Amino acid sequence: MSEETIGTVSDFFAHPVVAAIELTGTLKVGDRIRIKGHTTDLELEVDSMQINNEPVQEAKAGDSIGVKVSERVRDGDTVYKIVD
């Protein structure tokens, strides 16, 4: 498996546990992503994502999305899409 960089974490919200991500690539519901930074290394499947609090199935470069995460991530963490 390989990884391609598709964005950067721009914000984190504790309630609900959501990462705001600025995309530089495309992302779809069902894709697996990895969020990696100095103290972060998290892998998850995208169950749902939102743009401006509206659910979407797919987002593209330039979009700012919200994705539920299982633990804290930090501003500036890199987001990778896991490609088979």
N, C-alpha and C. Protein backbone atom coordinates (compact mmCIF):
# COMPACT_ATOMS: atom_id res chain seq x y z
N MET A 1 0.84 -1.19 0.00
CA MET A 1 0.00 0.00 0.00
C MET A 1 0.88 1.24 0.00
N SER A 2 0.40 2.26 -0.69
CA SER A 2 1.13 3.52 -0.70
C SER A 2 0.22 4.63 -0.20
N GLU A 3 0.81 5.78 0.06
CA GLU A 3 0.06 6.92 0.57
C GLU A 3 0.32 8.12 -0.31
N GLU A 4 -0.73 8.91 -0.53
CA GLU A 4 -0.55 10.17 -1.26
C GLU A 4 -1.07 11.31 -0.38
N THR A 5 -0.32 12.40 -0.35
CA THR A 5 -0.71 13.55 0.46
C THR A 5 -1.95 14.19 -0.15
N ILE A 6 -2.99 14.38 0.68
CA ILE A 6 -4.22 14.99 0.15
C ILE A 6 -4.68 16.20 0.96
N GLY A 7 -3.91 16.60 1.98
CA GLY A 7 -4.34 17.77 2.73
C GLY A 7 -3.61 17.97 4.03
N THR A 8 -4.09 18.99 4.77
CA THR A 8 -3.51 19.37 6.04
C THR A 8 -4.62 19.69 7.03
N VAL A 9 -4.43 19.27 8.29
CA VAL A 9 -5.38 19.61 9.34
C VAL A 9 -5.29 21.11 9.61
N SER A 10 -6.43 21.80 9.57
CA SER A 10 -6.43 23.25 9.83
C SER A 10 -7.04 23.59 11.19
N ASP A 11 -7.77 22.64 11.78
CA ASP A 11 -8.38 22.91 13.09
C ASP A 11 -8.83 21.58 13.69
N PHE A 12 -9.08 21.58 15.00
CA PHE A 12 -9.56 20.40 15.70
C PHE A 12 -10.63 20.82 16.67
N PHE A 13 -11.71 20.05 16.72
CA PHE A 13 -12.82 20.34 17.63
C PHE A 13 -13.01 19.12 18.54
N ALA A 14 -13.04 19.36 19.85
CA ALA A 14 -13.12 18.26 20.82
C ALA A 14 -14.53 17.70 20.98
N HIS A 15 -15.56 18.53 20.77
CA HIS A 15 -16.95 18.09 20.95
C HIS A 15 -17.80 18.57 19.79
N PRO A 16 -18.15 17.74 18.82
CA PRO A 16 -17.72 16.36 18.66
C PRO A 16 -16.27 16.30 18.20
N VAL A 17 -15.67 15.12 18.24
CA VAL A 17 -14.25 14.98 17.89
C VAL A 17 -14.12 15.01 16.36
N VAL A 18 -13.79 16.19 15.84
CA VAL A 18 -13.77 16.41 14.39
C VAL A 18 -12.49 17.15 14.00
N ALA A 19 -11.91 16.73 12.88
CA ALA A 19 -10.77 17.44 12.30
C ALA A 19 -11.25 18.24 11.10
N ALA A 20 -10.84 19.50 11.04
CA ALA A 20 -11.08 20.31 9.84
C ALA A 20 -9.85 20.14 8.96
N ILE A 21 -10.08 19.79 7.70
CA ILE A 21 -8.99 19.47 6.78
C ILE A 21 -9.11 20.32 5.52
N GLU A 22 -7.99 20.96 5.15
CA GLU A 22 -7.90 21.69 3.89
C GLU A 22 -7.36 20.71 2.86
N LEU A 23 -8.16 20.40 1.84
CA LEU A 23 -7.77 19.38 0.87
C LEU A 23 -6.91 19.94 -0.26
N THR A 24 -5.91 19.13 -0.65
CA THR A 24 -5.12 19.41 -1.85
C THR A 24 -5.33 18.30 -2.87
N GLY A 25 -6.18 17.34 -2.52
CA GLY A 25 -6.51 16.22 -3.40
C GLY A 25 -7.96 15.84 -3.20
N THR A 26 -8.42 14.76 -3.82
CA THR A 26 -9.81 14.34 -3.68
C THR A 26 -9.95 13.30 -2.58
N LEU A 27 -11.14 13.27 -1.97
CA LEU A 27 -11.44 12.33 -0.90
C LEU A 27 -12.90 11.94 -0.99
N LYS A 28 -13.18 10.64 -0.80
CA LYS A 28 -14.55 10.15 -0.83
C LYS A 28 -14.86 9.41 0.46
N VAL A 29 -16.14 9.36 0.82
CA VAL A 29 -16.57 8.52 1.94
C VAL A 29 -16.18 7.09 1.61
N GLY A 30 -15.59 6.39 2.57
CA GLY A 30 -15.13 5.03 2.38
C GLY A 30 -13.63 4.93 2.17
N ASP A 31 -12.97 6.06 1.81
CA ASP A 31 -11.52 6.07 1.66
C ASP A 31 -10.86 5.89 3.02
N ARG A 32 -9.67 5.30 3.03
CA ARG A 32 -8.87 5.20 4.26
C ARG A 32 -7.84 6.33 4.24
N ILE A 33 -7.71 6.99 5.38
CA ILE A 33 -6.74 8.09 5.49
C ILE A 33 -5.83 7.86 6.69
N ARG A 34 -4.69 8.53 6.64
CA ARG A 34 -3.74 8.54 7.76
C ARG A 34 -3.43 9.99 8.05
N ILE A 35 -3.52 10.36 9.32
CA ILE A 35 -3.19 11.72 9.77
C ILE A 35 -1.91 11.60 10.58
N LYS A 36 -0.86 12.30 10.13
CA LYS A 36 0.44 12.15 10.77
C LYS A 36 1.05 13.51 11.06
N GLY A 37 1.61 13.62 12.27
CA GLY A 37 2.30 14.84 12.69
C GLY A 37 3.35 14.48 13.73
N HIS A 38 3.84 15.49 14.43
CA HIS A 38 4.89 15.26 15.43
C HIS A 38 4.45 14.27 16.51
N THR A 39 3.20 14.41 16.98
CA THR A 39 2.71 13.52 18.04
C THR A 39 1.47 12.75 17.60
N THR A 40 1.14 12.81 16.33
CA THR A 40 -0.07 12.18 15.81
C THR A 40 0.30 11.10 14.81
N ASP A 41 -0.37 9.95 14.88
CA ASP A 41 -0.27 8.93 13.84
C ASP A 41 -1.55 8.12 13.93
N LEU A 42 -2.52 8.49 13.13
CA LEU A 42 -3.87 7.95 13.22
C LEU A 42 -4.30 7.46 11.85
N GLU A 43 -4.86 6.26 11.79
CA GLU A 43 -5.37 5.71 10.54
C GLU A 43 -6.85 5.42 10.73
N LEU A 44 -7.68 5.80 9.75
CA LEU A 44 -9.11 5.57 9.87
C LEU A 44 -9.78 5.55 8.51
N GLU A 45 -10.99 4.99 8.50
CA GLU A 45 -11.82 5.02 7.31
C GLU A 45 -12.77 6.21 7.44
N VAL A 46 -12.94 6.95 6.36
CA VAL A 46 -13.84 8.11 6.38
C VAL A 46 -15.27 7.60 6.31
N ASP A 47 -16.00 7.69 7.44
CA ASP A 47 -17.40 7.25 7.49
C ASP A 47 -18.33 8.32 6.95
N SER A 48 -17.97 9.58 7.22
CA SER A 48 -18.78 10.70 6.76
C SER A 48 -17.91 11.94 6.76
N MET A 49 -18.31 12.91 5.96
CA MET A 49 -17.61 14.19 5.97
C MET A 49 -18.60 15.28 5.61
N GLN A 50 -18.24 16.50 6.00
CA GLN A 50 -19.13 17.64 5.79
C GLN A 50 -18.38 18.82 5.23
N ILE A 51 -19.09 19.60 4.43
CA ILE A 51 -18.61 20.91 4.00
C ILE A 51 -19.67 21.90 4.46
N ASN A 52 -19.27 22.89 5.25
CA ASN A 52 -20.20 23.88 5.81
C ASN A 52 -21.39 23.21 6.49
N ASN A 53 -21.11 22.18 7.30
CA ASN A 53 -22.11 21.43 8.08
C ASN A 53 -23.12 20.68 7.22
N GLU A 54 -22.85 20.51 5.93
CA GLU A 54 -23.71 19.72 5.05
C GLU A 54 -22.98 18.44 4.67
N PRO A 55 -23.62 17.27 4.84
CA PRO A 55 -22.97 16.01 4.48
C PRO A 55 -22.66 15.95 2.98
N VAL A 56 -21.48 15.43 2.64
CA VAL A 56 -21.10 15.24 1.24
C VAL A 56 -20.48 13.84 1.10
N GLN A 57 -20.52 13.30 -0.11
CA GLN A 57 -19.95 11.98 -0.38
C GLN A 57 -18.53 12.10 -0.93
N GLU A 58 -18.22 13.26 -1.52
CA GLU A 58 -16.91 13.44 -2.15
C GLU A 58 -16.51 14.91 -2.03
N ALA A 59 -15.22 15.14 -1.87
CA ALA A 59 -14.69 16.52 -1.81
C ALA A 59 -13.44 16.56 -2.66
N LYS A 60 -13.09 17.78 -3.12
CA LYS A 60 -11.97 17.92 -4.04
C LYS A 60 -10.97 18.95 -3.52
N ALA A 61 -9.85 19.06 -4.21
CA ALA A 61 -8.81 20.02 -3.84
C ALA A 61 -9.43 21.41 -3.70
N GLY A 62 -9.05 22.10 -2.63
CA GLY A 62 -9.56 23.44 -2.37
C GLY A 62 -10.72 23.46 -1.38
N ASP A 63 -11.35 22.29 -1.17
CA ASP A 63 -12.45 22.21 -0.21
C ASP A 63 -11.91 22.14 1.22
N SER A 64 -12.68 22.69 2.14
CA SER A 64 -12.40 22.57 3.56
C SER A 64 -13.47 21.66 4.15
N ILE A 65 -13.06 20.50 4.67
CA ILE A 65 -14.02 19.50 5.13
C ILE A 65 -13.86 19.22 6.62
N GLY A 66 -14.91 18.66 7.20
CA GLY A 66 -14.87 18.17 8.57
C GLY A 66 -15.01 16.66 8.54
N VAL A 67 -14.14 15.96 9.28
CA VAL A 67 -14.16 14.50 9.35
C VAL A 67 -14.08 14.08 10.81
N LYS A 68 -14.96 13.15 11.22
CA LYS A 68 -14.89 12.63 12.59
C LYS A 68 -13.63 11.80 12.74
N VAL A 69 -12.94 12.00 13.86
CA VAL A 69 -11.72 11.25 14.16
C VAL A 69 -11.85 10.61 15.54
N SER A 70 -11.02 9.62 15.81
CA SER A 70 -11.14 8.88 17.06
C SER A 70 -10.27 9.45 18.18
N GLU A 71 -9.36 10.36 17.82
CA GLU A 71 -8.50 10.96 18.84
C GLU A 71 -8.05 12.33 18.38
N ARG A 72 -7.38 13.04 19.27
CA ARG A 72 -6.95 14.40 18.98
C ARG A 72 -5.94 14.45 17.84
N VAL A 73 -6.14 15.41 16.94
CA VAL A 73 -5.15 15.71 15.90
C VAL A 73 -4.80 17.18 16.05
N ARG A 74 -3.75 17.61 15.40
CA ARG A 74 -3.26 18.97 15.61
C ARG A 74 -3.15 19.74 14.31
N ASP A 75 -3.30 21.08 14.43
CA ASP A 75 -3.13 21.95 13.27
C ASP A 75 -1.79 21.66 12.61
N GLY A 76 -1.80 21.54 11.31
CA GLY A 76 -0.56 21.32 10.57
C GLY A 76 -0.23 19.85 10.33
N ASP A 77 -0.97 18.93 10.99
CA ASP A 77 -0.75 17.51 10.71
C ASP A 77 -1.06 17.25 9.23
N THR A 78 -0.29 16.35 8.61
CA THR A 78 -0.49 16.02 7.21
C THR A 78 -1.50 14.89 7.07
N VAL A 79 -2.37 15.00 6.06
CA VAL A 79 -3.38 13.98 5.80
C VAL A 79 -3.00 13.24 4.53
N TYR A 80 -2.95 11.91 4.62
CA TYR A 80 -2.61 11.05 3.50
C TYR A 80 -3.79 10.15 3.17
N LYS A 81 -4.00 9.90 1.88
CA LYS A 81 -4.97 8.89 1.46
C LYS A 81 -4.19 7.60 1.22
N ILE A 82 -4.68 6.49 1.79
CA ILE A 82 -4.03 5.20 1.63
C ILE A 82 -4.55 4.57 0.34
N VAL A 83 -3.62 4.27 -0.57
CA VAL A 83 -3.97 3.73 -1.88
C VAL A 83 -3.45 2.31 -1.98
N ASP A 84 -4.33 1.39 -2.39
CA ASP A 84 -3.92 -0.03 -2.54
C ASP A 84 -3.03 -0.22 -3.73
